[in-house]
Amino acid sequence: MTSVFRDLAIIILSAKFCGLVARKCKAPQVVGEILAGLLIGPCVLNLVQTNDSISTFAEIGVVLLMFSTGLGTNLKELIKAGPIATLIACVGVFVPLVGGTLLYSAFYGFSAVGSPEFYRALFIGTIMTATSVSITVATLQEMGHLKSFLGTTIVSAAVIDDVIGIVVLTCVLGASSGTGTGLGKVLVNTLLFFATAVGVGLAVHYGMKWLDKRNPHTQRITIVSMAFCFAMAYIAEEYFGIADITGAYIAGIVLCTMDDASYVERRVDISNYVLFAPVFFASIGLKTDISGLTPEILLFCICFVIVALITKIIGCGLAAKLCRFNWGDSLKVGVGMMTRGEVALIVAQKGLAIGVVDAVYFTAVILLIVVSSVATPLVLKALFTKHPPVPHPSQVK
């Protein structure tokens, strides 16, 4: 049992150190934490091996990450986003999903719908659907375009993209879990869960707003909020057979309109980013099997990155053009939506847990995060310099 404390000490210190180095190199901190896992894991130094305790800490980190994401959602802006952001998000999920499925099938053969290999291909596409616009937001803010119609559209579409991506992940995980549950049953369970979440969510929403008014900025608000998060994660997986992260994300959405939502989000982030999140990201490195990285798999990883970036740009860009943006601004929308981050890793982790994705393919996800994080700000700045944004027709009276 005491070896767990040794492992945690090594993981946290190495993850934080490598994370700081990554930030100095203008790369996302999570990339450094993943590389720390590779360094201290079986691939290099073999100081730490994955075990049940580390897996439990990592799962808590995933759940809290998704809960924090939900808490940080601006529900009013999400509702105001309307059909433009929704269409961009829908097409931005569909095109990468198809692109990833076809890519895997092209490399390893086309399989019958419903077969294990078909779900492997579909899951590669599911990993590509995830969007993380934290780098895009920082870039738009730096250039003074974050609050513009174009910037708001990108951010709103990214939030809706996350919601749709979680639903897609839930359906694919359920259908490919090997429990004999068909896609129809999975869809029914998903709808039942969301219906239950609405009913429970309304009751909890008003209860938490009442508690928040009586006890603003107190620990009990954070404690009750986290308890609700874990309860929803448990209910989602235990009673509806869908991903626990879906329940955690919905719990965050339910509480995001509280007066103290930002306060709870900060407290959750402090708890998570000190311990659980570094363990999760380092565990990705621990589980990545680069010993099996053959030339064919390396070629697949490179193609994975290319297809993931291009399909997001094409899907979101064409949808923006359909929404009457000019070609220059449509391209900016596509590029702004192509970054990937924590959600892509979470999706891949879930696939590994049920055996749909092999550990060696984490290399592709890590490459995608690094490349998209570096390329997005560079390309966006070049596009804004060459093609200044034009007012959208809806803004012109």
Protein backbone atom coordinates (compact mmCIF):
# COMPACT_ATOMS: atom_id res chain seq x y z
CA MET A 1 0.00 0.00 0.00
CA THR A 2 2.82 2.42 0.87
CA SER A 3 4.20 2.10 -2.69
CA VAL A 4 1.16 4.09 -3.85
CA PHE A 5 2.44 7.16 -1.99
CA ARG A 6 5.86 6.75 -3.59
CA ASP A 7 4.25 6.48 -7.04
CA LEU A 8 2.06 9.54 -6.42
CA ALA A 9 5.05 11.60 -5.28
CA ILE A 10 7.01 10.68 -8.41
CA ILE A 11 4.02 11.30 -10.72
CA ILE A 12 3.06 14.69 -9.26
CA LEU A 13 6.59 16.09 -9.14
CA SER A 14 7.57 14.88 -12.60
CA ALA A 15 4.23 15.95 -14.13
CA LYS A 16 4.46 19.46 -12.69
CA PHE A 17 8.11 19.87 -13.71
CA CYS A 18 7.53 18.66 -17.28
CA GLY A 19 4.35 20.75 -17.45
CA LEU A 20 6.29 23.91 -16.60
CA VAL A 21 8.95 23.04 -19.18
CA ALA A 22 6.20 22.56 -21.81
CA ARG A 23 4.74 25.99 -21.00
CA LYS A 24 8.18 27.58 -21.37
CA CYS A 25 8.37 25.95 -24.81
CA LYS A 26 4.94 27.47 -25.73
CA ALA A 27 3.28 24.02 -25.68
CA PRO A 28 0.19 23.02 -23.64
CA GLN A 29 0.99 22.01 -20.07
CA VAL A 30 -0.86 18.72 -20.51
CA VAL A 31 1.67 17.69 -23.16
CA GLY A 32 4.45 17.98 -20.59
CA GLU A 33 2.45 15.95 -18.08
CA ILE A 34 1.88 13.20 -20.64
CA LEU A 35 5.58 13.17 -21.53
CA ALA A 36 6.34 12.88 -17.80
CA GLY A 37 4.29 9.68 -17.76
CA LEU A 38 6.27 8.36 -20.72
CA LEU A 39 9.54 9.26 -18.98
CA ILE A 40 8.83 7.65 -15.60
CA GLY A 41 6.83 4.73 -17.03
CA PRO A 42 7.82 1.38 -18.54
CA CYS A 43 8.85 3.05 -21.82
CA VAL A 44 11.94 4.79 -20.34
CA LEU A 45 12.89 4.78 -16.64
CA ASN A 46 10.30 2.23 -15.43
CA LEU A 47 9.91 3.99 -12.06
CA VAL A 48 6.11 3.71 -11.98
CA GLN A 49 3.68 1.15 -13.39
CA THR A 50 -0.05 1.56 -13.78
CA ASN A 51 -2.04 -0.11 -10.99
CA ASP A 52 -5.59 -0.01 -9.61
CA SER A 53 -4.86 2.88 -7.25
CA ILE A 54 -3.40 5.09 -9.98
CA SER A 55 -6.28 4.17 -12.30
CA THR A 56 -8.78 5.23 -9.60
CA PHE A 57 -7.02 8.59 -9.09
CA ALA A 58 -6.93 9.08 -12.87
CA GLU A 59 -10.67 8.33 -13.18
CA ILE A 60 -11.48 10.88 -10.48
CA GLY A 61 -9.36 13.38 -12.42
CA VAL A 62 -11.34 12.73 -15.61
CA VAL A 63 -14.67 13.14 -13.83
CA LEU A 64 -13.61 16.42 -12.18
CA LEU A 65 -12.22 17.74 -15.48
CA MET A 66 -15.57 17.23 -17.18
CA PHE A 67 -17.46 18.64 -14.18
CA SER A 68 -15.29 21.76 -14.29
CA THR A 69 -15.90 22.08 -18.04
CA GLY A 70 -19.65 21.99 -17.44
CA LEU A 71 -19.39 24.55 -14.62
CA GLY A 72 -17.49 26.91 -16.91
CA THR A 73 -20.19 26.83 -19.59
CA ASN A 74 -22.04 30.09 -20.19
CA LEU A 75 -25.55 28.68 -20.59
CA LYS A 76 -27.06 32.01 -21.68
CA GLU A 77 -24.48 32.42 -24.44
CA LEU A 78 -24.97 28.79 -25.41
CA ILE A 79 -28.73 29.35 -25.82
CA LYS A 80 -28.14 32.62 -27.68
CA ALA A 81 -25.73 30.91 -30.09
CA GLY A 82 -28.71 29.73 -32.08
CA PRO A 83 -28.65 27.89 -35.38
CA ILE A 84 -25.33 29.28 -36.66
CA ALA A 85 -23.11 27.83 -33.92
CA THR A 86 -25.23 24.67 -33.76
CA LEU A 87 -24.86 23.98 -37.49
CA ILE A 88 -21.10 24.62 -37.35
CA ALA A 89 -20.77 22.27 -34.36
CA CYS A 90 -22.91 19.50 -35.93
CA VAL A 91 -21.00 19.49 -39.22
CA GLY A 92 -17.74 19.91 -37.27
CA VAL A 93 -18.49 16.66 -35.44
CA PHE A 94 -19.88 14.69 -38.39
CA VAL A 95 -17.06 15.28 -40.91
CA PRO A 96 -14.17 14.25 -38.57
CA LEU A 97 -16.24 11.27 -37.37
CA VAL A 98 -16.58 10.02 -40.95
CA GLY A 99 -12.99 10.97 -41.82
CA GLY A 100 -11.52 9.07 -38.88
CA THR A 101 -13.65 6.01 -39.55
CA LEU A 102 -12.61 5.93 -43.21
CA LEU A 103 -8.93 6.49 -42.32
CA TYR A 104 -8.81 3.47 -40.00
CA SER A 105 -10.73 1.37 -42.51
CA ALA A 106 -8.33 2.38 -45.30
CA PHE A 107 -5.37 1.20 -43.22
CA TYR A 108 -6.83 -1.97 -41.70
CA GLY A 109 -9.68 -2.93 -44.00
CA PHE A 110 -13.38 -2.15 -44.20
CA SER A 111 -15.48 -4.28 -41.83
CA ALA A 112 -19.16 -5.07 -41.51
CA VAL A 113 -21.28 -2.64 -39.53
CA GLY A 114 -21.53 -3.86 -35.93
CA SER A 115 -18.31 -5.88 -36.00
CA PRO A 116 -15.49 -5.18 -33.45
CA GLU A 117 -13.27 -3.75 -36.20
CA PHE A 118 -16.05 -1.43 -37.33
CA TYR A 119 -16.33 -0.02 -33.81
CA ARG A 120 -12.54 0.40 -33.67
CA ALA A 121 -12.74 2.48 -36.84
CA LEU A 122 -15.73 4.43 -35.53
CA PHE A 123 -13.92 5.16 -32.28
CA ILE A 124 -10.93 6.63 -34.11
CA GLY A 125 -13.42 9.01 -35.73
CA THR A 126 -14.96 9.74 -32.32
CA ILE A 127 -11.56 10.82 -30.96
CA MET A 128 -11.29 13.30 -33.86
CA THR A 129 -14.61 14.98 -33.02
CA ALA A 130 -13.33 16.59 -29.81
CA THR A 131 -12.53 20.32 -29.92
CA SER A 132 -10.57 22.39 -27.40
CA VAL A 133 -10.53 26.13 -28.08
CA SER A 134 -8.47 27.30 -25.09
CA ILE A 135 -5.55 28.13 -27.43
CA THR A 136 -7.96 29.78 -29.89
CA VAL A 137 -9.57 31.87 -27.13
CA ALA A 138 -6.15 33.12 -25.98
CA THR A 139 -5.21 33.99 -29.58
CA LEU A 140 -8.49 35.81 -30.29
CA GLN A 141 -8.20 37.71 -27.02
CA GLU A 142 -4.65 38.77 -27.84
CA MET A 143 -5.80 40.13 -31.23
CA GLY A 144 -8.91 41.79 -29.78
CA HIS A 145 -11.43 39.63 -31.67
CA LEU A 146 -12.72 37.43 -28.83
CA LYS A 147 -15.89 39.46 -28.24
CA SER A 148 -16.58 39.97 -31.95
CA PHE A 149 -19.40 38.13 -33.73
CA LEU A 150 -16.81 35.82 -35.30
CA GLY A 151 -15.08 35.11 -31.98
CA THR A 152 -18.37 34.50 -30.17
CA THR A 153 -19.46 32.12 -32.94
CA ILE A 154 -16.26 30.07 -32.64
CA VAL A 155 -16.44 29.79 -28.85
CA SER A 156 -20.19 29.00 -28.85
CA ALA A 157 -19.76 26.38 -31.57
CA ALA A 158 -16.95 24.78 -29.54
CA VAL A 159 -19.18 24.49 -26.47
CA ILE A 160 -21.98 22.91 -28.52
CA ASP A 161 -19.36 20.69 -30.19
CA ASP A 162 -18.44 19.36 -26.72
CA VAL A 163 -22.08 18.56 -25.92
CA ILE A 164 -22.60 16.73 -29.22
CA GLY A 165 -19.25 14.97 -28.86
CA ILE A 166 -20.23 13.67 -25.41
CA VAL A 167 -23.48 12.27 -26.83
CA VAL A 168 -21.58 10.61 -29.71
CA LEU A 169 -19.04 9.17 -27.27
CA THR A 170 -21.81 7.83 -25.07
CA CYS A 171 -23.52 6.08 -27.98
CA VAL A 172 -20.30 4.63 -29.43
CA LEU A 173 -19.07 3.43 -26.02
CA GLY A 174 -22.38 1.74 -25.29
CA ALA A 175 -22.66 0.10 -28.70
CA SER A 176 -19.04 -1.12 -28.72
CA SER A 177 -18.80 -2.27 -25.10
CA GLY A 178 -19.35 -5.91 -26.00
CA THR A 179 -22.23 -6.32 -23.57
CA GLY A 180 -24.67 -7.16 -26.32
CA THR A 181 -26.42 -3.82 -26.08
CA GLY A 182 -27.50 -2.64 -29.51
CA LEU A 183 -27.26 0.91 -30.76
CA GLY A 184 -31.03 1.33 -30.43
CA LYS A 185 -30.90 0.36 -26.77
CA VAL A 186 -27.97 2.71 -26.21
CA LEU A 187 -29.88 5.62 -27.77
CA VAL A 188 -32.90 4.84 -25.60
CA ASN A 189 -30.74 4.70 -22.46
CA THR A 190 -29.09 7.98 -23.45
CA LEU A 191 -32.44 9.70 -23.95
CA LEU A 192 -33.71 8.27 -20.65
CA PHE A 193 -30.62 9.53 -18.86
CA PHE A 194 -30.96 13.04 -20.28
CA ALA A 195 -34.67 13.05 -19.39
CA THR A 196 -33.80 11.97 -15.84
CA ALA A 197 -31.02 14.55 -15.71
CA VAL A 198 -33.49 17.31 -16.63
CA GLY A 199 -35.87 16.28 -13.84
CA VAL A 200 -33.20 15.78 -11.20
CA GLY A 201 -31.25 18.76 -12.51
CA LEU A 202 -34.16 21.18 -12.07
CA ALA A 203 -34.70 20.07 -8.47
CA VAL A 204 -30.98 20.25 -7.65
CA HIS A 205 -30.62 23.56 -9.54
CA TYR A 206 -33.23 25.33 -7.42
CA GLY A 207 -32.03 23.60 -4.25
CA MET A 208 -28.45 24.69 -4.85
CA LYS A 209 -29.50 28.28 -5.68
CA TRP A 210 -31.37 28.39 -2.35
CA LEU A 211 -28.34 26.98 -0.51
CA ASP A 212 -26.07 29.39 -2.34
CA LYS A 213 -28.08 32.40 -1.21
CA ARG A 214 -28.05 31.22 2.41
CA ASN A 215 -24.36 30.24 2.44
CA PRO A 216 -22.52 32.16 -0.29
CA HIS A 217 -18.80 31.49 -0.80
CA THR A 218 -18.64 28.68 1.75
CA GLN A 219 -17.04 25.25 1.65
CA ARG A 220 -20.40 23.53 1.93
CA ILE A 221 -21.35 24.84 -1.55
CA THR A 222 -18.26 23.20 -3.03
CA ILE A 223 -18.76 19.99 -1.02
CA VAL A 224 -22.40 19.57 -2.06
CA SER A 225 -21.55 20.42 -5.68
CA MET A 226 -18.81 17.78 -5.84
CA ALA A 227 -21.08 15.24 -4.19
CA PHE A 228 -23.68 15.93 -6.89
CA CYS A 229 -20.99 15.52 -9.56
CA PHE A 230 -19.95 12.08 -8.27
CA ALA A 231 -23.58 11.04 -7.80
CA MET A 232 -24.43 11.91 -11.41
CA ALA A 233 -21.32 10.09 -12.65
CA TYR A 234 -22.39 7.00 -10.69
CA ILE A 235 -26.02 7.14 -11.85
CA ALA A 236 -24.99 7.56 -15.50
CA GLU A 237 -22.77 4.48 -15.55
CA GLU A 238 -24.53 2.23 -13.05
CA TYR A 239 -28.18 2.69 -14.04
CA PHE A 240 -28.02 3.81 -17.68
CA GLY A 241 -24.81 2.15 -18.86
CA ILE A 242 -23.35 5.35 -20.29
CA ALA A 243 -20.01 7.06 -19.58
CA ASP A 244 -19.51 8.47 -16.08
CA ILE A 245 -17.98 11.61 -17.62
CA THR A 246 -21.36 12.31 -19.25
CA GLY A 247 -22.98 12.45 -15.82
CA ALA A 248 -20.21 14.69 -14.48
CA TYR A 249 -20.51 17.07 -17.46
CA ILE A 250 -24.29 17.31 -17.05
CA ALA A 251 -23.82 17.99 -13.31
CA GLY A 252 -21.62 20.94 -14.24
CA ILE A 253 -24.20 22.23 -16.73
CA VAL A 254 -26.93 22.00 -14.06
CA LEU A 255 -24.90 24.12 -11.62
CA CYS A 256 -23.29 26.56 -14.10
CA THR A 257 -25.93 29.27 -13.52
CA MET A 258 -25.40 29.41 -9.75
CA ASP A 259 -24.11 32.72 -8.46
CA ASP A 260 -21.13 30.87 -7.01
CA ALA A 261 -20.50 28.67 -10.08
CA SER A 262 -17.16 30.37 -10.82
CA TYR A 263 -16.22 30.06 -7.12
CA VAL A 264 -16.98 26.32 -7.12
CA GLU A 265 -15.14 25.91 -10.44
CA ARG A 266 -12.01 27.52 -8.98
CA ARG A 267 -12.14 25.32 -5.88
CA VAL A 268 -12.65 22.18 -7.96
CA ASP A 269 -9.80 23.18 -10.27
CA ILE A 270 -7.48 23.73 -7.30
CA SER A 271 -8.30 20.29 -5.89
CA ASN A 272 -8.08 18.61 -9.28
CA TYR A 273 -5.00 20.25 -10.77
CA VAL A 274 -2.93 19.70 -7.64
CA LEU A 275 -3.44 15.93 -7.57
CA PHE A 276 -5.98 14.14 -9.76
CA ALA A 277 -5.50 15.81 -13.16
CA PRO A 278 -1.68 15.36 -13.21
CA VAL A 279 -2.18 11.69 -12.34
CA PHE A 280 -4.66 11.34 -15.20
CA PHE A 281 -2.42 12.95 -17.82
CA ALA A 282 0.67 11.12 -16.56
CA SER A 283 -1.29 7.85 -16.69
CA ILE A 284 -1.77 8.43 -20.43
CA GLY A 285 2.00 8.40 -20.77
CA LEU A 286 2.28 5.37 -18.50
CA LYS A 287 -0.15 3.45 -20.70
CA THR A 288 1.29 4.56 -24.05
CA ASP A 289 3.13 1.63 -25.61
CA ILE A 290 5.73 3.09 -27.95
CA SER A 291 7.50 -0.29 -28.11
CA GLY A 292 4.81 -1.38 -30.53
CA LEU A 293 5.22 1.71 -32.72
CA THR A 294 5.88 0.06 -36.09
CA PRO A 295 6.46 2.07 -39.30
CA GLU A 296 2.87 1.32 -40.31
CA ILE A 297 1.46 2.64 -37.04
CA LEU A 298 3.72 5.69 -37.22
CA LEU A 299 2.42 6.39 -40.72
CA PHE A 300 -1.12 5.98 -39.39
CA CYS A 301 -0.39 8.47 -36.58
CA ILE A 302 0.84 11.06 -39.09
CA CYS A 303 -2.20 10.52 -41.31
CA PHE A 304 -4.42 10.69 -38.20
CA VAL A 305 -3.12 14.19 -37.40
CA ILE A 306 -3.52 15.39 -41.00
CA VAL A 307 -7.05 14.01 -41.38
CA ALA A 308 -8.12 15.31 -37.95
CA LEU A 309 -7.00 18.85 -38.78
CA ILE A 310 -8.29 18.95 -42.35
CA THR A 311 -11.72 17.44 -41.60
CA LYS A 312 -12.32 19.95 -38.79
CA ILE A 313 -11.33 22.88 -41.02
CA ILE A 314 -13.46 21.61 -43.92
CA GLY A 315 -16.48 20.69 -41.80
CA CYS A 316 -16.63 23.86 -39.70
CA GLY A 317 -15.49 26.09 -42.56
CA LEU A 318 -18.14 24.87 -45.00
CA ALA A 319 -20.83 25.11 -42.32
CA ALA A 320 -19.75 28.70 -41.63
CA LYS A 321 -19.97 29.46 -45.35
CA LEU A 322 -23.52 28.04 -45.38
CA CYS A 323 -24.25 30.46 -42.54
CA ARG A 324 -23.28 33.36 -44.87
CA PHE A 325 -19.77 34.05 -43.61
CA ASN A 326 -17.38 35.04 -46.39
CA TRP A 327 -14.65 32.57 -47.39
CA GLY A 328 -11.96 34.31 -45.33
CA ASP A 329 -14.00 34.29 -42.12
CA SER A 330 -15.25 30.74 -42.83
CA LEU A 331 -11.63 29.60 -42.95
CA LYS A 332 -10.95 31.37 -39.65
CA VAL A 333 -13.85 29.47 -38.06
CA GLY A 334 -12.49 26.15 -39.33
CA VAL A 335 -8.95 26.87 -38.12
CA GLY A 336 -10.24 28.15 -34.77
CA MET A 337 -12.09 24.85 -34.21
CA MET A 338 -9.22 22.51 -35.11
CA THR A 339 -7.36 22.55 -31.77
CA ARG A 340 -7.58 19.44 -29.60
CA GLY A 341 -6.88 18.98 -25.89
CA GLU A 342 -8.04 17.18 -22.79
CA VAL A 343 -11.33 15.90 -24.22
CA ALA A 344 -9.56 13.99 -27.00
CA LEU A 345 -7.41 12.28 -24.38
CA ILE A 346 -10.45 11.48 -22.24
CA VAL A 347 -12.20 9.91 -25.23
CA ALA A 348 -9.11 7.84 -26.07
CA GLN A 349 -8.79 6.77 -22.42
CA LYS A 350 -12.38 5.55 -22.39
CA GLY A 351 -11.74 3.58 -25.57
CA LEU A 352 -8.68 1.94 -24.02
CA ALA A 353 -10.69 0.98 -20.93
CA ILE A 354 -13.11 -1.17 -22.96
CA GLY A 355 -10.50 -2.43 -25.42
CA VAL A 356 -11.65 -0.49 -28.48
CA VAL A 357 -8.36 1.45 -28.77
CA ASP A 358 -4.83 0.08 -28.30
CA ALA A 359 -2.38 2.00 -26.09
CA VAL A 360 -0.01 2.59 -29.00
CA TYR A 361 -2.56 4.92 -30.63
CA PHE A 362 -2.20 7.43 -27.79
CA THR A 363 0.86 8.55 -29.75
CA ALA A 364 -1.46 9.81 -32.50
CA VAL A 365 -3.58 11.79 -30.01
CA ILE A 366 -0.52 13.35 -28.36
CA LEU A 367 0.86 14.36 -31.77
CA LEU A 368 -2.50 15.89 -32.69
CA ILE A 369 -2.62 18.00 -29.52
CA VAL A 370 0.93 19.28 -30.02
CA VAL A 371 0.56 20.06 -33.74
CA SER A 372 -2.87 21.70 -33.45
CA SER A 373 -1.80 23.79 -30.42
CA VAL A 374 1.26 25.12 -32.26
CA ALA A 375 -0.36 25.58 -35.69
CA THR A 376 -3.66 27.21 -34.68
CA PRO A 377 -2.36 30.56 -33.30
CA LEU A 378 0.16 30.90 -36.13
CA VAL A 379 -2.42 30.29 -38.88
CA LEU A 380 -5.12 32.40 -37.19
CA LYS A 381 -2.81 35.39 -36.84
CA ALA A 382 -1.77 35.08 -40.49
CA LEU A 383 -5.43 34.88 -41.62
CA PHE A 384 -6.51 37.91 -39.56
CA THR A 385 -3.58 39.90 -40.92
CA LYS A 386 -4.24 38.98 -44.55
CA HIS A 387 -8.05 38.94 -44.39
CA PRO A 388 -9.53 41.29 -41.73
CA PRO A 389 -12.98 40.11 -40.54
CA VAL A 390 -16.02 41.36 -42.45
CA PRO A 391 -19.34 42.11 -40.68
CA HIS A 392 -21.76 39.17 -40.91
CA PRO A 393 -24.96 39.88 -42.89
CA SER A 394 -26.98 39.51 -39.69
CA GLN A 395 -25.05 42.47 -38.24
CA VAL A 396 -25.71 44.72 -41.23
CA LYS A 397 -28.98 46.63 -41.00
